[in-house]
Amino acid sequence: MARKKQGSKDNVSAKDPNEPTFEQAMKAVEKSVHDLEGGQLELGEALRVYEQGVTMIRRCHQLLQDAERQVELLMEVHEDGSVETQSFEAGQAESLTVKQEARSRRRSVSKEADVDSEGRLF
């Protein structure tokens, strides 16, 4: 049986160990929703729980965006079939857009090369 990598679960977690992982943030959101739906909280407490839930939802969105960027980096495949991987840093969003545009240009060039330029069948 294959073993899991020790750090694989934390690949999409915060670099700061005090920040919750995706799973921890989702559990906090679920608890906030449960508490708010219970209707037993006073107004001040309900607002605090709601604010905490919104904060955790934002955290989940950020972690999902980071995970998506990591997948984009891993999906870099060259025409010769080689795969390029690199580590993701949070400030690389612009360079990812540039790389994605370059990949799109490469793909469109290779597709056009397979088609006759005259546009006629015979």
PDB file of N, CA and C in Angstrom:
ATOM      1  N   MET A   1       0.833  -1.164   0.000  1.00  0.00           N
ATOM      2  CA  MET A   1       0.000   0.000   0.000  1.00  0.00           C
ATOM      3  C   MET A   1       0.891   1.245   0.000  1.00  0.00           C
ATOM      4  N   ALA A   2       0.503   2.262  -0.779  1.00  0.00           N
ATOM      5  CA  ALA A   2       1.295   3.481  -0.875  1.00  0.00           C
ATOM      6  C   ALA A   2       1.094   4.330   0.371  1.00  0.00           C
ATOM      7  N   ARG A   3       2.151   4.977   0.775  1.00  0.00           N
ATOM      8  CA  ARG A   3       2.076   5.860   1.934  1.00  0.00           C
ATOM      9  C   ARG A   3       1.810   7.277   1.476  1.00  0.00           C
ATOM     10  N   LYS A   4       1.106   8.012   2.301  1.00  0.00           N
ATOM     11  CA  LYS A   4       0.907   9.425   2.031  1.00  0.00           C
ATOM     12  C   LYS A   4       2.164  10.175   2.424  1.00  0.00           C
ATOM     13  N   LYS A   5       2.428  11.245   1.708  1.00  0.00           N
ATOM     14  CA  LYS A   5       3.542  12.097   2.094  1.00  0.00           C
ATOM     15  C   LYS A   5       3.184  12.791   3.399  1.00  0.00           C
ATOM     16  N   GLN A   6       4.159  12.955   4.249  1.00  0.00           N
ATOM     17  CA  GLN A   6       3.916  13.563   5.552  1.00  0.00           C
ATOM     18  C   GLN A   6       3.362  14.977   5.429  1.00  0.00           C
ATOM     19  N   GLY A   7       3.910  15.776   4.515  1.00  0.00           N
ATOM     20  CA  GLY A   7       3.494  17.167   4.405  1.00  0.00           C
ATOM     21  C   GLY A   7       2.413  17.405   3.385  1.00  0.00           C
ATOM     22  N   SER A   8       1.870  16.371   2.766  1.00  0.00           N
ATOM     23  CA  SER A   8       0.939  16.576   1.673  1.00  0.00           C
ATOM     24  C   SER A   8      -0.350  17.257   2.115  1.00  0.00           C
ATOM     25  N   LYS A   9      -0.814  17.005   3.322  1.00  0.00           N
ATOM     26  CA  LYS A   9      -2.051  17.619   3.785  1.00  0.00           C
ATOM     27  C   LYS A   9      -1.881  19.117   4.001  1.00  0.00           C
ATOM     28  N   ASP A  10      -0.678  19.543   4.309  1.00  0.00           N
ATOM     29  CA  ASP A  10      -0.442  20.947   4.594  1.00  0.00           C
ATOM     30  C   ASP A  10      -0.041  21.753   3.369  1.00  0.00           C
ATOM     31  N   ASN A  11      -0.019  21.148   2.190  1.00  0.00           N
ATOM     32  CA  ASN A  11       0.370  21.887   0.996  1.00  0.00           C
ATOM     33  C   ASN A  11      -0.545  23.064   0.734  1.00  0.00           C
ATOM     34  N   VAL A  12      -1.806  22.963   1.131  1.00  0.00           N
ATOM     35  CA  VAL A  12      -2.755  24.025   0.878  1.00  0.00           C
ATOM     36  C   VAL A  12      -3.128  24.715   2.186  1.00  0.00           C
ATOM     37  N   SER A  13      -2.302  24.599   3.177  1.00  0.00           N
ATOM     38  CA  SER A  13      -2.565  25.265   4.440  1.00  0.00           C
ATOM     39  C   SER A  13      -1.716  26.527   4.528  1.00  0.00           C
ATOM     40  N   ALA A  14      -1.917  27.243   5.597  1.00  0.00           N
ATOM     41  CA  ALA A  14      -1.205  28.497   5.777  1.00  0.00           C
ATOM     42  C   ALA A  14       0.267  28.247   6.035  1.00  0.00           C
ATOM     43  N   LYS A  15       1.076  29.216   5.638  1.00  0.00           N
ATOM     44  CA  LYS A  15       2.487  29.148   6.005  1.00  0.00           C
ATOM     45  C   LYS A  15       2.631  29.458   7.487  1.00  0.00           C
ATOM     46  N   ASP A  16       1.693  30.238   8.015  1.00  0.00           N
ATOM     47  CA  ASP A  16       1.659  30.549   9.435  1.00  0.00           C
ATOM     48  C   ASP A  16       0.917  29.421  10.153  1.00  0.00           C
ATOM     49  N   PRO A  17       1.582  28.699  11.055  1.00  0.00           N
ATOM     50  CA  PRO A  17       0.928  27.565  11.720  1.00  0.00           C
ATOM     51  C   PRO A  17      -0.272  27.968  12.574  1.00  0.00           C
ATOM     52  N   ASN A  18      -0.420  29.257  12.886  1.00  0.00           N
ATOM     53  CA  ASN A  18      -1.565  29.711  13.668  1.00  0.00           C
ATOM     54  C   ASN A  18      -2.822  29.869  12.822  1.00  0.00           C
ATOM     55  N   GLU A  19      -2.674  29.927  11.499  1.00  0.00           N
ATOM     56  CA  GLU A  19      -3.820  30.046  10.603  1.00  0.00           C
ATOM     57  C   GLU A  19      -4.454  28.673  10.409  1.00  0.00           C
ATOM     58  N   PRO A  20      -5.793  28.613  10.334  1.00  0.00           N
ATOM     59  CA  PRO A  20      -6.448  27.307  10.177  1.00  0.00           C
ATOM     60  C   PRO A  20      -6.255  26.733   8.775  1.00  0.00           C
ATOM     61  N   THR A  21      -6.250  25.409   8.703  1.00  0.00           N
ATOM     62  CA  THR A  21      -6.224  24.738   7.406  1.00  0.00           C
ATOM     63  C   THR A  21      -7.610  24.872   6.779  1.00  0.00           C
ATOM     64  N   PHE A  22      -7.739  24.429   5.535  1.00  0.00           N
ATOM     65  CA  PHE A  22      -9.030  24.482   4.860  1.00  0.00           C
ATOM     66  C   PHE A  22     -10.081  23.699   5.647  1.00  0.00           C
ATOM     67  N   GLU A  23      -9.714  22.509   6.070  1.00  0.00           N
ATOM     68  CA  GLU A  23     -10.661  21.659   6.791  1.00  0.00           C
ATOM     69  C   GLU A  23     -11.088  22.294   8.114  1.00  0.00           C
ATOM     70  N   GLN A  24     -10.135  22.881   8.821  1.00  0.00           N
ATOM     71  CA  GLN A  24     -10.462  23.540  10.088  1.00  0.00           C
ATOM     72  C   GLN A  24     -11.380  24.739   9.856  1.00  0.00           C
ATOM     73  N   ALA A  25     -11.105  25.511   8.814  1.00  0.00           N
ATOM     74  CA  ALA A  25     -11.937  26.674   8.503  1.00  0.00           C
ATOM     75  C   ALA A  25     -13.349  26.241   8.121  1.00  0.00           C
ATOM     76  N   MET A  26     -13.471  25.164   7.346  1.00  0.00           N
ATOM     77  CA  MET A  26     -14.798  24.673   6.959  1.00  0.00           C
ATOM     78  C   MET A  26     -15.588  24.202   8.177  1.00  0.00           C
ATOM     79  N   LYS A  27     -14.928  23.534   9.104  1.00  0.00           N
ATOM     80  CA  LYS A  27     -15.616  23.092  10.326  1.00  0.00           C
ATOM     81  C   LYS A  27     -16.093  24.301  11.131  1.00  0.00           C
ATOM     82  N   ALA A  28     -15.280  25.351  11.172  1.00  0.00           N
ATOM     83  CA  ALA A  28     -15.670  26.561  11.894  1.00  0.00           C
ATOM     84  C   ALA A  28     -16.884  27.211  11.227  1.00  0.00           C
ATOM     85  N   VAL A  29     -16.918  27.218   9.888  1.00  0.00           N
ATOM     86  CA  VAL A  29     -18.070  27.773   9.167  1.00  0.00           C
ATOM     87  C   VAL A  29     -19.316  26.946   9.475  1.00  0.00           C
ATOM     88  N   GLU A  30     -19.186  25.628   9.418  1.00  0.00           N
ATOM     89  CA  GLU A  30     -20.327  24.752   9.716  1.00  0.00           C
ATOM     90  C   GLU A  30     -20.842  24.977  11.135  1.00  0.00           C
ATOM     91  N   LYS A  31     -19.933  25.140  12.081  1.00  0.00           N
ATOM     92  CA  LYS A  31     -20.342  25.388  13.471  1.00  0.00           C
ATOM     93  C   LYS A  31     -21.051  26.734  13.585  1.00  0.00           C
ATOM     94  N   SER A  32     -20.529  27.754  12.902  1.00  0.00           N
ATOM     95  CA  SER A  32     -21.168  29.071  12.932  1.00  0.00           C
ATOM     96  C   SER A  32     -22.586  28.998  12.377  1.00  0.00           C
ATOM     97  N   VAL A  33     -22.751  28.311  11.252  1.00  0.00           N
ATOM     98  CA  VAL A  33     -24.080  28.168  10.644  1.00  0.00           C
ATOM     99  C   VAL A  33     -25.018  27.433  11.600  1.00  0.00           C
ATOM    100  N   HIS A  34     -24.528  26.362  12.189  1.00  0.00           N
ATOM    101  CA  HIS A  34     -25.353  25.586  13.130  1.00  0.00           C
ATOM    102  C   HIS A  34     -25.782  26.454  14.310  1.00  0.00           C
ATOM    103  N   ASP A  35     -24.842  27.204  14.871  1.00  0.00           N
ATOM    104  CA  ASP A  35     -25.148  28.060  16.021  1.00  0.00           C
ATOM    105  C   ASP A  35     -26.148  29.150  15.645  1.00  0.00           C
ATOM    106  N   LEU A  36     -25.971  29.752  14.463  1.00  0.00           N
ATOM    107  CA  LEU A  36     -26.877  30.818  14.034  1.00  0.00           C
ATOM    108  C   LEU A  36     -28.272  30.273  13.731  1.00  0.00           C
ATOM    109  N   GLU A  37     -28.338  29.098  13.115  1.00  0.00           N
ATOM    110  CA  GLU A  37     -29.638  28.504  12.805  1.00  0.00           C
ATOM    111  C   GLU A  37     -30.365  28.038  14.061  1.00  0.00           C
ATOM    112  N   GLY A  38     -29.618  27.793  15.124  1.00  0.00           N
ATOM    113  CA  GLY A  38     -30.231  27.361  16.382  1.00  0.00           C
ATOM    114  C   GLY A  38     -31.133  28.417  16.990  1.00  0.00           C
ATOM    115  N   GLY A  39     -30.851  29.681  16.726  1.00  0.00           N
ATOM    116  CA  GLY A  39     -31.686  30.762  17.218  1.00  0.00           C
ATOM    117  C   GLY A  39     -31.570  31.037  18.702  1.00  0.00           C
ATOM    118  N   GLN A  40     -30.576  30.489  19.361  1.00  0.00           N
ATOM    119  CA  GLN A  40     -30.438  30.647  20.808  1.00  0.00           C
ATOM    120  C   GLN A  40     -29.432  31.738  21.191  1.00  0.00           C
ATOM    121  N   LEU A  41     -28.781  32.354  20.215  1.00  0.00           N
ATOM    122  CA  LEU A  41     -27.754  33.352  20.503  1.00  0.00           C
ATOM    123  C   LEU A  41     -28.372  34.734  20.673  1.00  0.00           C
ATOM    124  N   GLU A  42     -27.808  35.503  21.586  1.00  0.00           N
ATOM    125  CA  GLU A  42     -28.203  36.902  21.708  1.00  0.00           C
ATOM    126  C   GLU A  42     -27.649  37.661  20.512  1.00  0.00           C
ATOM    127  N   LEU A  43     -28.169  38.832  20.266  1.00  0.00           N
ATOM    128  CA  LEU A  43     -27.804  39.588  19.072  1.00  0.00           C
ATOM    129  C   LEU A  43     -26.301  39.827  18.972  1.00  0.00           C
ATOM    130  N   GLY A  44     -25.681  40.280  20.032  1.00  0.00           N
ATOM    131  CA  GLY A  44     -24.240  40.552  20.011  1.00  0.00           C
ATOM    132  C   GLY A  44     -23.425  39.305  19.710  1.00  0.00           C
ATOM    133  N   GLU A  45     -23.796  38.201  20.337  1.00  0.00           N
ATOM    134  CA  GLU A  45     -23.100  36.934  20.113  1.00  0.00           C
ATOM    135  C   GLU A  45     -23.345  36.440  18.689  1.00  0.00           C
ATOM    136  N   ALA A  46     -24.567  36.610  18.192  1.00  0.00           N
ATOM    137  CA  ALA A  46     -24.889  36.189  16.824  1.00  0.00           C
ATOM    138  C   ALA A  46     -24.051  36.971  15.813  1.00  0.00           C
ATOM    139  N   LEU A  47     -23.884  38.256  16.050  1.00  0.00           N
ATOM    140  CA  LEU A  47     -23.057  39.069  15.150  1.00  0.00           C
ATOM    141  C   LEU A  47     -21.599  38.627  15.192  1.00  0.00           C
ATOM    142  N   ARG A  48     -21.098  38.308  16.380  1.00  0.00           N
ATOM    143  CA  ARG A  48     -19.718  37.842  16.507  1.00  0.00           C
ATOM    144  C   ARG A  48     -19.525  36.513  15.775  1.00  0.00           C
ATOM    145  N   VAL A  49     -20.469  35.595  15.941  1.00  0.00           N
ATOM    146  CA  VAL A  49     -20.389  34.291  15.281  1.00  0.00           C
ATOM    147  C   VAL A  49     -20.481  34.465  13.768  1.00  0.00           C
ATOM    148  N   TYR A  50     -21.375  35.360  13.317  1.00  0.00           N
ATOM    149  CA  TYR A  50     -21.510  35.630  11.883  1.00  0.00           C
ATOM    150  C   TYR A  50     -20.205  36.188  11.314  1.00  0.00           C
ATOM    151  N   GLU A  51     -19.609  37.144  12.015  1.00  0.00           N
ATOM    152  CA  GLU A  51     -18.344  37.734  11.564  1.00  0.00           C
ATOM    153  C   GLU A  51     -17.240  36.679  11.488  1.00  0.00           C
ATOM    154  N   GLN A  52     -17.189  35.804  12.475  1.00  0.00           N
ATOM    155  CA  GLN A  52     -16.193  34.729  12.467  1.00  0.00           C
ATOM    156  C   GLN A  52     -16.434  33.801  11.275  1.00  0.00           C
ATOM    157  N   GLY A  53     -17.692  33.504  10.981  1.00  0.00           N
ATOM    158  CA  GLY A  53     -18.021  32.661   9.835  1.00  0.00           C
ATOM    159  C   GLY A  53     -17.578  33.285   8.523  1.00  0.00           C
ATOM    160  N   VAL A  54     -17.806  34.576   8.375  1.00  0.00           N
ATOM    161  CA  VAL A  54     -17.386  35.279   7.153  1.00  0.00           C
ATOM    162  C   VAL A  54     -15.867  35.253   7.024  1.00  0.00           C
ATOM    163  N   THR A  55     -15.174  35.448   8.128  1.00  0.00           N
ATOM    164  CA  THR A  55     -13.708  35.393   8.116  1.00  0.00           C
ATOM    165  C   THR A  55     -13.220  34.016   7.673  1.00  0.00           C
ATOM    166  N   MET A  56     -13.848  32.969   8.170  1.00  0.00           N
ATOM    167  CA  MET A  56     -13.448  31.603   7.803  1.00  0.00           C
ATOM    168  C   MET A  56     -13.788  31.292   6.344  1.00  0.00           C
ATOM    169  N   ILE A  57     -14.904  31.831   5.843  1.00  0.00           N
ATOM    170  CA  ILE A  57     -15.244  31.640   4.426  1.00  0.00           C
ATOM    171  C   ILE A  57     -14.188  32.301   3.548  1.00  0.00           C
ATOM    172  N   ARG A  58     -13.758  33.493   3.923  1.00  0.00           N
ATOM    173  CA  ARG A  58     -12.693  34.173   3.157  1.00  0.00           C
ATOM    174  C   ARG A  58     -11.410  33.349   3.179  1.00  0.00           C
ATOM    175  N   ARG A  59     -11.115  32.776   4.326  1.00  0.00           N
ATOM    176  CA  ARG A  59      -9.930  31.920   4.455  1.00  0.00           C
ATOM    177  C   ARG A  59     -10.039  30.717   3.513  1.00  0.00           C
ATOM    178  N   CYS A  60     -11.209  30.093   3.484  1.00  0.00           N
ATOM    179  CA  CYS A  60     -11.424  28.948   2.587  1.00  0.00           C
ATOM    180  C   CYS A  60     -11.243  29.357   1.128  1.00  0.00           C
ATOM    181  N   HIS A  61     -11.799  30.493   0.742  1.00  0.00           N
ATOM    182  CA  HIS A  61     -11.651  30.968  -0.640  1.00  0.00           C
ATOM    183  C   HIS A  61     -10.184  31.192  -0.991  1.00  0.00           C
ATOM    184  N   GLN A  62      -9.433  31.781  -0.069  1.00  0.00           N
ATOM    185  CA  GLN A  62      -8.013  32.026  -0.328  1.00  0.00           C
ATOM    186  C   GLN A  62      -7.254  30.718  -0.497  1.00  0.00           C
ATOM    187  N   LEU A  63      -7.527  29.762   0.372  1.00  0.00           N
ATOM    188  CA  LEU A  63      -6.852  28.467   0.277  1.00  0.00           C
ATOM    189  C   LEU A  63      -7.223  27.744  -1.015  1.00  0.00           C
ATOM    190  N   LEU A  64      -8.475  27.856  -1.446  1.00  0.00           N
ATOM    191  CA  LEU A  64      -8.882  27.241  -2.712  1.00  0.00           C
ATOM    192  C   LEU A  64      -8.192  27.907  -3.899  1.00  0.00           C
ATOM    193  N   GLN A  65      -8.057  29.227  -3.855  1.00  0.00           N
ATOM    194  CA  GLN A  65      -7.343  29.928  -4.932  1.00  0.00           C
ATOM    195  C   GLN A  65      -5.883  29.492  -4.977  1.00  0.00           C
ATOM    196  N   ASP A  66      -5.260  29.363  -3.819  1.00  0.00           N
ATOM    197  CA  ASP A  66      -3.869  28.911  -3.772  1.00  0.00           C
ATOM    198  C   ASP A  66      -3.736  27.503  -4.337  1.00  0.00           C
ATOM    199  N   ALA A  67      -4.681  26.632  -3.987  1.00  0.00           N
ATOM    200  CA  ALA A  67      -4.647  25.259  -4.497  1.00  0.00           C
ATOM    201  C   ALA A  67      -4.825  25.243  -6.009  1.00  0.00           C
ATOM    202  N   GLU A  68      -5.716  26.081  -6.512  1.00  0.00           N
ATOM    203  CA  GLU A  68      -5.934  26.158  -7.962  1.00  0.00           C
ATOM    204  C   GLU A  68      -4.664  26.616  -8.674  1.00  0.00           C
ATOM    205  N   ARG A  69      -3.974  27.573  -8.106  1.00  0.00           N
ATOM    206  CA  ARG A  69      -2.717  28.045  -8.704  1.00  0.00           C
ATOM    207  C   ARG A  69      -1.664  26.944  -8.703  1.00  0.00           C
ATOM    208  N   GLN A  70      -1.619  26.156  -7.642  1.00  0.00           N
ATOM    209  CA  GLN A  70      -0.666  25.041  -7.595  1.00  0.00           C
ATOM    210  C   GLN A  70      -0.974  24.038  -8.693  1.00  0.00           C
ATOM    211  N   VAL A  71      -2.246  23.757  -8.909  1.00  0.00           N
ATOM    212  CA  VAL A  71      -2.632  22.828  -9.972  1.00  0.00           C
ATOM    213  C   VAL A  71      -2.244  23.397 -11.327  1.00  0.00           C
ATOM    214  N   GLU A  72      -2.469  24.698 -11.532  1.00  0.00           N
ATOM    215  CA  GLU A  72      -2.083  25.329 -12.792  1.00  0.00           C
ATOM    216  C   GLU A  72      -0.587  25.184 -13.027  1.00  0.00           C
ATOM    217  N   LEU A  73       0.202  25.342 -11.989  1.00  0.00           N
ATOM    218  CA  LEU A  73       1.647  25.202 -12.136  1.00  0.00           C
ATOM    219  C   LEU A  73       2.029  23.776 -12.492  1.00  0.00           C
ATOM    220  N   LEU A  74       1.334  22.813 -11.923  1.00  0.00           N
ATOM    221  CA  LEU A  74       1.643  21.413 -12.196  1.00  0.00           C
ATOM    222  C   LEU A  74       1.167  20.978 -13.573  1.00  0.00           C
ATOM    223  N   MET A  75       0.249  21.716 -14.164  1.00  0.00           N
ATOM    224  CA  MET A  75      -0.304  21.332 -15.456  1.00  0.00           C
ATOM    225  C   MET A  75       0.485  21.899 -16.632  1.00  0.00           C
ATOM    226  N   GLU A  76       1.599  22.531 -16.395  1.00  0.00           N
ATOM    227  CA  GLU A  76       2.436  23.088 -17.457  1.00  0.00           C
ATOM    228  C   GLU A  76       3.095  21.943 -18.212  1.00  0.00           C
ATOM    229  N   VAL A  77       2.594  21.645 -19.407  1.00  0.00           N
ATOM    230  CA  VAL A  77       3.135  20.567 -20.225  1.00  0.00           C
ATOM    231  C   VAL A  77       3.608  21.168 -21.545  1.00  0.00           C
ATOM    232  N   HIS A  78       4.842  20.883 -21.913  1.00  0.00           N
ATOM    233  CA  HIS A  78       5.412  21.402 -23.151  1.00  0.00           C
ATOM    234  C   HIS A  78       5.020  20.522 -24.326  1.00  0.00           C
ATOM    235  N   GLU A  79       5.229  21.039 -25.537  1.00  0.00           N
ATOM    236  CA  GLU A  79       4.876  20.304 -26.747  1.00  0.00           C
ATOM    237  C   GLU A  79       5.591  18.962 -26.835  1.00  0.00           C
ATOM    238  N   ASP A  80       6.805  18.873 -26.314  1.00  0.00           N
ATOM    239  CA  ASP A  80       7.555  17.613 -26.386  1.00  0.00           C
ATOM    240  C   ASP A  80       7.112  16.605 -25.319  1.00  0.00           C
ATOM    241  N   GLY A  81       6.111  16.973 -24.510  1.00  0.00           N
ATOM    242  CA  GLY A  81       5.586  16.058 -23.506  1.00  0.00           C
ATOM    243  C   GLY A  81       6.217  16.202 -22.141  1.00  0.00           C
ATOM    244  N   SER A  82       7.248  17.019 -22.018  1.00  0.00           N
ATOM    245  CA  SER A  82       7.878  17.199 -20.711  1.00  0.00           C
ATOM    246  C   SER A  82       6.989  18.076 -19.829  1.00  0.00           C
ATOM    247  N   VAL A  83       7.063  17.839 -18.543  1.00  0.00           N
ATOM    248  CA  VAL A  83       6.245  18.561 -17.580  1.00  0.00           C
ATOM    249  C   VAL A  83       7.135  19.499 -16.788  1.00  0.00           C
ATOM    250  N   GLU A  84       6.686  20.712 -16.628  1.00  0.00           N
ATOM    251  CA  GLU A  84       7.427  21.702 -15.848  1.00  0.00           C
ATOM    252  C   GLU A  84       6.673  21.943 -14.548  1.00  0.00           C
ATOM    253  N   THR A  85       7.353  21.794 -13.437  1.00  0.00           N
ATOM    254  CA  THR A  85       6.747  22.090 -12.145  1.00  0.00           C
ATOM    255  C   THR A  85       7.610  23.111 -11.428  1.00  0.00           C
ATOM    256  N   GLN A  86       6.974  23.880 -10.585  1.00  0.00           N
ATOM    257  CA  GLN A  86       7.697  24.856  -9.778  1.00  0.00           C
ATOM    258  C   GLN A  86       6.862  25.152  -8.553  1.00  0.00           C
ATOM    259  N   SER A  87       7.490  25.717  -7.549  1.00  0.00           N
ATOM    260  CA  SER A  87       6.753  26.030  -6.330  1.00  0.00           C
ATOM    261  C   SER A  87       5.938  27.292  -6.545  1.00  0.00           C
ATOM    262  N   PHE A  88       4.853  27.400  -5.821  1.00  0.00           N
ATOM    263  CA  PHE A  88       3.966  28.547  -5.927  1.00  0.00           C
ATOM    264  C   PHE A  88       4.228  29.510  -4.780  1.00  0.00           C
ATOM    265  N   GLU A  89       4.374  30.751  -5.118  1.00  0.00           N
ATOM    266  CA  GLU A  89       4.466  31.806  -4.116  1.00  0.00           C
ATOM    267  C   GLU A  89       3.239  32.687  -4.294  1.00  0.00           C
ATOM    268  N   ALA A  90       2.682  33.183  -3.219  1.00  0.00           N
ATOM    269  CA  ALA A  90       1.418  33.916  -3.258  1.00  0.00           C
ATOM    270  C   ALA A  90       1.440  35.106  -4.213  1.00  0.00           C
ATOM    271  N   GLY A  91       2.570  35.710  -4.456  1.00  0.00           N
ATOM    272  CA  GLY A  91       2.648  36.883  -5.314  1.00  0.00           C
ATOM    273  C   GLY A  91       2.797  36.584  -6.783  1.00  0.00           C
ATOM    274  N   GLN A  92       2.636  35.348  -7.198  1.00  0.00           N
ATOM    275  CA  GLN A  92       2.876  34.979  -8.585  1.00  0.00           C
ATOM    276  C   GLN A  92       1.636  35.027  -9.467  1.00  0.00           C
ATOM    277  N   ALA A  93       0.552  35.605  -9.028  1.00  0.00           N
ATOM    278  CA  ALA A  93      -0.694  35.580  -9.793  1.00  0.00           C
ATOM    279  C   ALA A  93      -0.513  36.180 -11.180  1.00  0.00           C
ATOM    280  N   GLU A  94       0.209  37.299 -11.291  1.00  0.00           N
ATOM    281  CA  GLU A  94       0.416  37.917 -12.596  1.00  0.00           C
ATOM    282  C   GLU A  94       1.232  37.030 -13.512  1.00  0.00           C
ATOM    283  N   SER A  95       2.291  36.432 -13.008  1.00  0.00           N
ATOM    284  CA  SER A  95       3.120  35.591 -13.858  1.00  0.00           C
ATOM    285  C   SER A  95       2.350  34.361 -14.322  1.00  0.00           C
ATOM    286  N   LEU A  96       1.403  33.884 -13.527  1.00  0.00           N
ATOM    287  CA  LEU A  96       0.581  32.759 -13.950  1.00  0.00           C
ATOM    288  C   LEU A  96      -0.290  33.148 -15.134  1.00  0.00           C
ATOM    289  N   THR A  97      -0.819  34.367 -15.113  1.00  0.00           N
ATOM    290  CA  THR A  97      -1.637  34.834 -16.227  1.00  0.00           C
ATOM    291  C   THR A  97      -0.802  34.916 -17.490  1.00  0.00           C
ATOM    292  N   VAL A  98       0.412  35.418 -17.375  1.00  0.00           N
ATOM    293  CA  VAL A  98       1.307  35.506 -18.529  1.00  0.00           C
ATOM    294  C   VAL A  98       1.622  34.119 -19.059  1.00  0.00           C
ATOM    295  N   LYS A  99       1.905  33.169 -18.172  1.00  0.00           N
ATOM    296  CA  LYS A  99       2.202  31.798 -18.596  1.00  0.00           C
ATOM    297  C   LYS A  99       0.995  31.157 -19.264  1.00  0.00           C
ATOM    298  N   GLN A 100      -0.188  31.432 -18.727  1.00  0.00           N
ATOM    299  CA  GLN A 100      -1.392  30.856 -19.312  1.00  0.00           C
ATOM    300  C   GLN A 100      -1.595  31.390 -20.726  1.00  0.00           C
ATOM    301  N   GLU A 101      -1.359  32.679 -20.931  1.00  0.00           N
ATOM    302  CA  GLU A 101      -1.482  33.247 -22.271  1.00  0.00           C
ATOM    303  C   GLU A 101      -0.460  32.634 -23.215  1.00  0.00           C
ATOM    304  N   ALA A 102       0.756  32.401 -22.732  1.00  0.00           N
ATOM    305  CA  ALA A 102       1.788  31.786 -23.567  1.00  0.00           C
ATOM    306  C   ALA A 102       1.397  30.364 -23.941  1.00  0.00           C
ATOM    307  N   ARG A 103       0.828  29.619 -22.994  1.00  0.00           N
ATOM    308  CA  ARG A 103       0.377  28.255 -23.292  1.00  0.00           C
ATOM    309  C   ARG A 103      -0.716  28.280 -24.344  1.00  0.00           C
ATOM    310  N   SER A 104      -1.636  29.236 -24.221  1.00  0.00           N
ATOM    311  CA  SER A 104      -2.721  29.340 -25.190  1.00  0.00           C
ATOM    312  C   SER A 104      -2.180  29.629 -26.579  1.00  0.00           C
ATOM    313  N   ARG A 105      -1.172  30.506 -26.657  1.00  0.00           N
ATOM    314  CA  ARG A 105      -0.569  30.815 -27.966  1.00  0.00           C
ATOM    315  C   ARG A 105       0.107  29.587 -28.540  1.00  0.00           C
ATOM    316  N   ARG A 106       0.834  28.827 -27.710  1.00  0.00           N
ATOM    317  CA  ARG A 106       1.514  27.624 -28.201  1.00  0.00           C
ATOM    318  C   ARG A 106       0.508  26.609 -28.714  1.00  0.00           C
ATOM    319  N   ARG A 107      -0.566  26.432 -27.981  1.00  0.00           N
ATOM    320  CA  ARG A 107      -1.583  25.463 -28.399  1.00  0.00           C
ATOM    321  C   ARG A 107      -2.236  25.892 -29.697  1.00  0.00           C
ATOM    322  N   SER A 108      -2.550  27.179 -29.831  1.00  0.00           N
ATOM    323  CA  SER A 108      -3.209  27.632 -31.051  1.00  0.00           C
ATOM    324  C   SER A 108      -2.271  27.546 -32.244  1.00  0.00           C
ATOM    325  N   VAL A 109      -0.984  27.771 -32.054  1.00  0.00           N
ATOM    326  CA  VAL A 109      -0.025  27.660 -33.149  1.00  0.00           C
ATOM    327  C   VAL A 109       0.082  26.224 -33.616  1.00  0.00           C
ATOM    328  N   SER A 110       0.153  25.272 -32.716  1.00  0.00           N
ATOM    329  CA  SER A 110       0.294  23.876 -33.116  1.00  0.00           C
ATOM    330  C   SER A 110      -0.974  23.364 -33.783  1.00  0.00           C
ATOM    331  N   LYS A 111      -2.147  23.839 -33.396  1.00  0.00           N
ATOM    332  CA  LYS A 111      -3.386  23.420 -34.035  1.00  0.00           C
ATOM    333  C   LYS A 111      -3.477  23.982 -35.448  1.00  0.00           C
ATOM    334  N   GLU A 112      -3.060  25.231 -35.623  1.00  0.00           N
ATOM    335  CA  GLU A 112      -3.120  25.849 -36.935  1.00  0.00           C
ATOM    336  C   GLU A 112      -2.158  25.185 -37.904  1.00  0.00           C
ATOM    337  N   ALA A 113      -1.067  24.650 -37.424  1.00  0.00           N
ATOM    338  CA  ALA A 113      -0.085  24.020 -38.295  1.00  0.00           C
ATOM    339  C   ALA A 113      -0.640  22.751 -38.932  1.00  0.00           C
ATOM    340  N   ASP A 114      -1.651  22.135 -38.329  1.00  0.00           N
ATOM    341  CA  ASP A 114      -2.243  20.917 -38.865  1.00  0.00           C
ATOM    342  C   ASP A 114      -3.296  21.195 -39.932  1.00  0.00           C
ATOM    343  N   VAL A 115      -3.671  22.446 -40.118  1.00  0.00           N
ATOM    344  CA  VAL A 115      -4.741  22.806 -41.043  1.00  0.00           C
ATOM    345  C   VAL A 115      -4.134  23.472 -42.269  1.00  0.00           C
ATOM    346  N   ASP A 116      -4.698  23.165 -43.449  1.00  0.00           N
ATOM    347  CA  ASP A 116      -4.245  23.830 -44.672  1.00  0.00           C
ATOM    348  C   ASP A 116      -4.524  25.315 -44.575  1.00  0.00           C
ATOM    349  N   SER A 117      -3.614  26.108 -45.085  1.00  0.00           N
ATOM    350  CA  SER A 117      -3.759  27.549 -44.974  1.00  0.00           C
ATOM    351  C   SER A 117      -4.713  28.126 -46.010  1.00  0.00           C
ATOM    352  N   GLU A 118      -4.969  27.412 -47.118  1.00  0.00           N
ATOM    353  CA  GLU A 118      -5.824  27.951 -48.162  1.00  0.00           C
ATOM    354  C   GLU A 118      -7.297  27.878 -47.799  1.00  0.00           C
ATOM    355  N   GLY A 119      -7.704  26.954 -46.971  1.00  0.00           N
ATOM    356  CA  GLY A 119      -9.089  26.851 -46.584  1.00  0.00           C
ATOM    357  C   GLY A 119      -9.947  26.071 -47.567  1.00  0.00           C
ATOM    358  N   ARG A 120      -9.346  25.402 -48.568  1.00  0.00           N
ATOM    359  CA  ARG A 120     -10.107  24.601 -49.536  1.00  0.00           C
ATOM    360  C   ARG A 120      -9.933  23.127 -49.204  1.00  0.00           C
ATOM    361  N   LEU A 121     -10.913  22.322 -49.588  1.00  0.00           N
ATOM    362  CA  LEU A 121     -10.828  20.887 -49.361  1.00  0.00           C
ATOM    363  C   LEU A 121      -9.879  20.211 -50.333  1.00  0.00           C
ATOM    364  N   PHE A 122      -9.940  20.570 -51.629  1.00  0.00           N
ATOM    365  CA  PHE A 122      -9.138  19.883 -52.649  1.00  0.00           C
ATOM    366  C   PHE A 122      -8.207  20.803 -53.368  1.00  0.00           C
TER     367      PHE A 122
END
